């Protein structure tokens, strides 16, 4: 526990990942206590990714309501809503993988040997994707759209790049606090 606390103090960014489909279950006292303990150590370097936002339906919380709920209910108002990101790792993974394949090989691999291709195609092209002959350019456009729907653009810039930009300062502060 002490080692984890020390690492959290030195980290330039700390990302907690919550499951959108389990938020009410995760809101129990033990999880709340652990989350608030991390929030105490990390100050403004804590960010929350609420994964599986792709499973949102018309009865679910939208992005703004979700940010408010997580900030107020789980973090008791101690985490700024701008540090909460609804995301879909599934969409992000499939889109990034498809874009990489298209960039490197100008086509997607055979879905019979690469099951992720069928998952990507079903999401990006629809249920009858096997019946269509889609050009690589259109596949790229669909992959970019799926990437946008993953909602990872903002957190990658604000959290990952921001953490990288502040890493030297955070390390220096950690060393000074030890002295």
Protein backbone atom coordinates (compact mmCIF):
# COMPACT_ATOMS: atom_id res chain seq x y z
CA UNK A 1 0.00 0.00 0.00
CA UNK A 2 2.86 2.37 0.85
CA UNK A 3 4.63 1.58 -2.44
CA UNK A 4 1.45 2.31 -4.36
CA UNK A 5 0.99 5.60 -2.53
CA UNK A 6 4.58 6.57 -3.31
CA UNK A 7 4.12 5.74 -7.01
CA UNK A 8 0.88 7.72 -7.15
CA UNK A 9 2.67 10.74 -5.67
CA UNK A 10 5.37 10.52 -8.37
CA UNK A 11 3.05 9.91 -11.31
CA UNK A 12 2.54 12.73 -13.79
CA UNK A 13 -1.00 11.43 -14.42
CA UNK A 14 -3.14 8.77 -12.79
CA UNK A 15 -6.00 7.21 -14.75
CA UNK A 16 -8.79 5.34 -13.02
CA UNK A 17 -11.01 3.25 -15.29
CA UNK A 18 -14.63 2.68 -14.37
CA UNK A 19 -17.16 0.48 -16.15
CA UNK A 20 -20.12 2.50 -17.45
CA UNK A 21 -22.39 -0.54 -17.20
CA UNK A 22 -21.46 -1.10 -13.54
CA UNK A 23 -21.42 2.43 -12.12
CA UNK A 24 -24.21 1.80 -9.64
CA UNK A 25 -22.55 -1.42 -8.49
CA UNK A 26 -19.17 0.32 -8.22
CA UNK A 27 -20.63 3.07 -6.07
CA UNK A 28 -20.55 0.96 -2.91
CA UNK A 29 -18.68 2.15 0.17
CA UNK A 30 -15.46 0.15 -0.41
CA UNK A 31 -14.96 1.43 -3.96
CA UNK A 32 -15.83 4.97 -2.90
CA UNK A 33 -13.27 4.80 -0.10
CA UNK A 34 -10.52 3.51 -2.41
CA UNK A 35 -11.30 6.11 -5.07
CA UNK A 36 -11.22 8.94 -2.55
CA UNK A 37 -7.94 7.65 -1.12
CA UNK A 38 -6.39 7.87 -4.60
CA UNK A 39 -7.92 11.33 -5.08
CA UNK A 40 -6.26 12.51 -1.85
CA UNK A 41 -2.82 11.57 -3.14
CA UNK A 42 -3.06 12.65 -6.77
CA UNK A 43 -4.49 16.18 -6.51
CA UNK A 44 -5.24 17.44 -10.02
CA UNK A 45 -3.40 14.58 -11.74
CA UNK A 46 -6.28 12.12 -11.42
CA UNK A 47 -8.37 11.39 -14.49
CA UNK A 48 -11.26 8.97 -14.82
CA UNK A 49 -12.06 7.07 -18.00
CA UNK A 50 -15.58 5.66 -17.91
CA UNK A 51 -15.28 2.77 -20.34
CA UNK A 52 -18.02 1.00 -22.31
CA UNK A 53 -19.79 4.28 -23.08
CA UNK A 54 -20.70 2.62 -26.39
CA UNK A 55 -23.33 0.68 -24.43
CA UNK A 56 -25.28 3.85 -23.66
CA UNK A 57 -28.89 3.72 -24.78
CA UNK A 58 -31.76 6.20 -24.72
CA UNK A 59 -32.47 5.39 -21.05
CA UNK A 60 -28.85 5.86 -19.92
CA UNK A 61 -26.92 8.87 -18.72
CA UNK A 62 -25.51 11.10 -21.45
CA UNK A 63 -21.90 12.33 -21.27
CA UNK A 64 -22.60 15.48 -19.24
CA UNK A 65 -24.91 13.73 -16.78
CA UNK A 66 -22.32 10.98 -16.42
CA UNK A 67 -19.52 13.46 -15.66
CA UNK A 68 -21.68 15.15 -13.05
CA UNK A 69 -22.68 11.83 -11.47
CA UNK A 70 -19.12 10.53 -11.22
CA UNK A 71 -17.77 13.84 -9.87
CA UNK A 72 -20.51 14.31 -7.28
CA UNK A 73 -21.46 10.76 -6.28
CA UNK A 74 -18.21 8.82 -6.51
CA UNK A 75 -15.72 11.62 -5.81
CA UNK A 76 -17.95 13.69 -3.55
CA UNK A 77 -17.22 16.83 -5.58
CA UNK A 78 -13.43 16.56 -5.22
CA UNK A 79 -12.77 15.76 -8.89
CA UNK A 80 -13.37 18.31 -11.61
CA UNK A 81 -15.83 17.15 -14.27
CA UNK A 82 -13.29 18.07 -16.95
CA UNK A 83 -11.15 15.15 -15.69
CA UNK A 84 -13.86 12.60 -16.46
CA UNK A 85 -13.96 11.03 -19.94
CA UNK A 86 -16.68 8.71 -21.22
CA UNK A 87 -14.89 6.41 -23.70
CA UNK A 88 -15.23 3.16 -25.61
CA UNK A 89 -12.05 1.10 -25.64
CA UNK A 90 -13.78 -1.40 -27.94
CA UNK A 91 -14.43 1.25 -30.60
CA UNK A 92 -10.97 2.74 -30.07
CA UNK A 93 -9.19 -0.59 -30.40
CA UNK A 94 -11.08 -1.73 -33.50
CA UNK A 95 -10.75 1.65 -35.24
CA UNK A 96 -7.04 2.01 -34.46
CA UNK A 97 -6.34 -1.55 -35.59
CA UNK A 98 -8.26 -1.04 -38.86
CA UNK A 99 -6.54 2.30 -39.54
CA UNK A 100 -3.15 0.72 -38.92
CA UNK A 101 -3.86 -2.18 -41.28
CA UNK A 102 -5.15 0.17 -43.97
CA UNK A 103 -2.13 2.44 -43.62
CA UNK A 104 0.37 -0.41 -43.71
CA UNK A 105 -1.25 -2.79 -46.22
CA UNK A 106 -4.05 -0.79 -47.94
CA UNK A 107 -6.61 -3.47 -46.99
CA UNK A 108 -7.92 -5.35 -44.00
CA UNK A 109 -6.82 -8.93 -43.38
CA UNK A 110 -9.15 -11.88 -43.97
CA UNK A 111 -11.83 -11.93 -41.28
CA UNK A 112 -11.76 -15.74 -41.15
CA UNK A 113 -8.25 -15.64 -39.68
CA UNK A 114 -8.59 -12.30 -37.88
CA UNK A 115 -11.88 -12.21 -35.95
CA UNK A 116 -11.42 -8.56 -34.97
CA UNK A 117 -12.07 -7.65 -38.65
CA UNK A 118 -15.60 -9.05 -38.42
CA UNK A 119 -16.18 -7.09 -35.20
CA UNK A 120 -14.90 -3.91 -36.85
CA UNK A 121 -16.96 -4.45 -40.01
CA UNK A 122 -20.17 -5.13 -38.11
CA UNK A 123 -19.76 -1.88 -36.16
CA UNK A 124 -18.43 0.31 -38.95
CA UNK A 125 -20.42 -1.06 -41.90
CA UNK A 126 -23.52 -2.65 -40.38
CA UNK A 127 -24.97 -6.11 -40.06
CA UNK A 128 -24.83 -6.97 -43.76
CA UNK A 129 -21.18 -6.00 -44.19
CA UNK A 130 -20.20 -9.30 -45.85
CA UNK A 131 -22.49 -8.56 -48.78
CA UNK A 132 -20.82 -5.24 -49.57
CA UNK A 133 -17.63 -4.51 -51.45
CA UNK A 134 -16.18 -1.46 -49.69
CA UNK A 135 -13.19 0.45 -51.06
CA UNK A 136 -10.21 0.97 -48.71
CA UNK A 137 -10.82 4.73 -48.71
CA UNK A 138 -14.37 4.22 -47.45
CA UNK A 139 -13.13 1.69 -44.88
CA UNK A 140 -10.70 4.35 -43.68
CA UNK A 141 -13.52 6.90 -43.41
CA UNK A 142 -15.64 4.45 -41.44
CA UNK A 143 -12.70 3.62 -39.16
CA UNK A 144 -12.14 7.34 -38.51
CA UNK A 145 -15.81 7.74 -37.65
CA UNK A 146 -15.60 4.77 -35.27
CA UNK A 147 -12.47 6.35 -33.74
CA UNK A 148 -14.37 9.61 -33.16
CA UNK A 149 -17.17 7.62 -31.54
CA UNK A 150 -14.64 6.03 -29.20
CA UNK A 151 -14.17 9.52 -27.71
CA UNK A 152 -10.44 8.93 -27.13
CA UNK A 153 -9.18 12.05 -28.95
CA UNK A 154 -9.66 14.42 -26.01
CA UNK A 155 -8.26 12.18 -23.26
CA UNK A 156 -5.21 11.25 -25.34
CA UNK A 157 -4.35 14.90 -25.83
CA UNK A 158 -5.34 16.20 -22.42
CA UNK A 159 -4.23 13.31 -20.22
CA UNK A 160 -1.45 11.47 -21.97
CA UNK A 161 0.17 14.44 -23.68
CA UNK A 162 -0.49 16.64 -20.65
CA UNK A 163 1.09 14.05 -18.35
CA UNK A 164 4.09 13.82 -20.63
CA UNK A 165 4.45 17.61 -20.74
CA UNK A 166 4.31 17.83 -16.93
CA UNK A 167 6.40 14.73 -16.14
CA UNK A 168 9.64 16.59 -15.44
CA UNK A 169 7.92 19.08 -13.14
CA UNK A 170 6.09 16.31 -11.26
CA UNK A 171 9.32 14.34 -10.81
CA UNK A 172 11.12 17.40 -9.52
CA UNK A 173 8.31 18.15 -7.06
CA UNK A 174 8.35 14.54 -5.82
CA UNK A 175 12.12 14.70 -5.27
CA UNK A 176 11.86 18.03 -3.47
CA UNK A 177 9.13 16.74 -1.18
CA UNK A 178 11.40 13.81 -0.19
CA UNK A 179 14.19 16.23 0.69
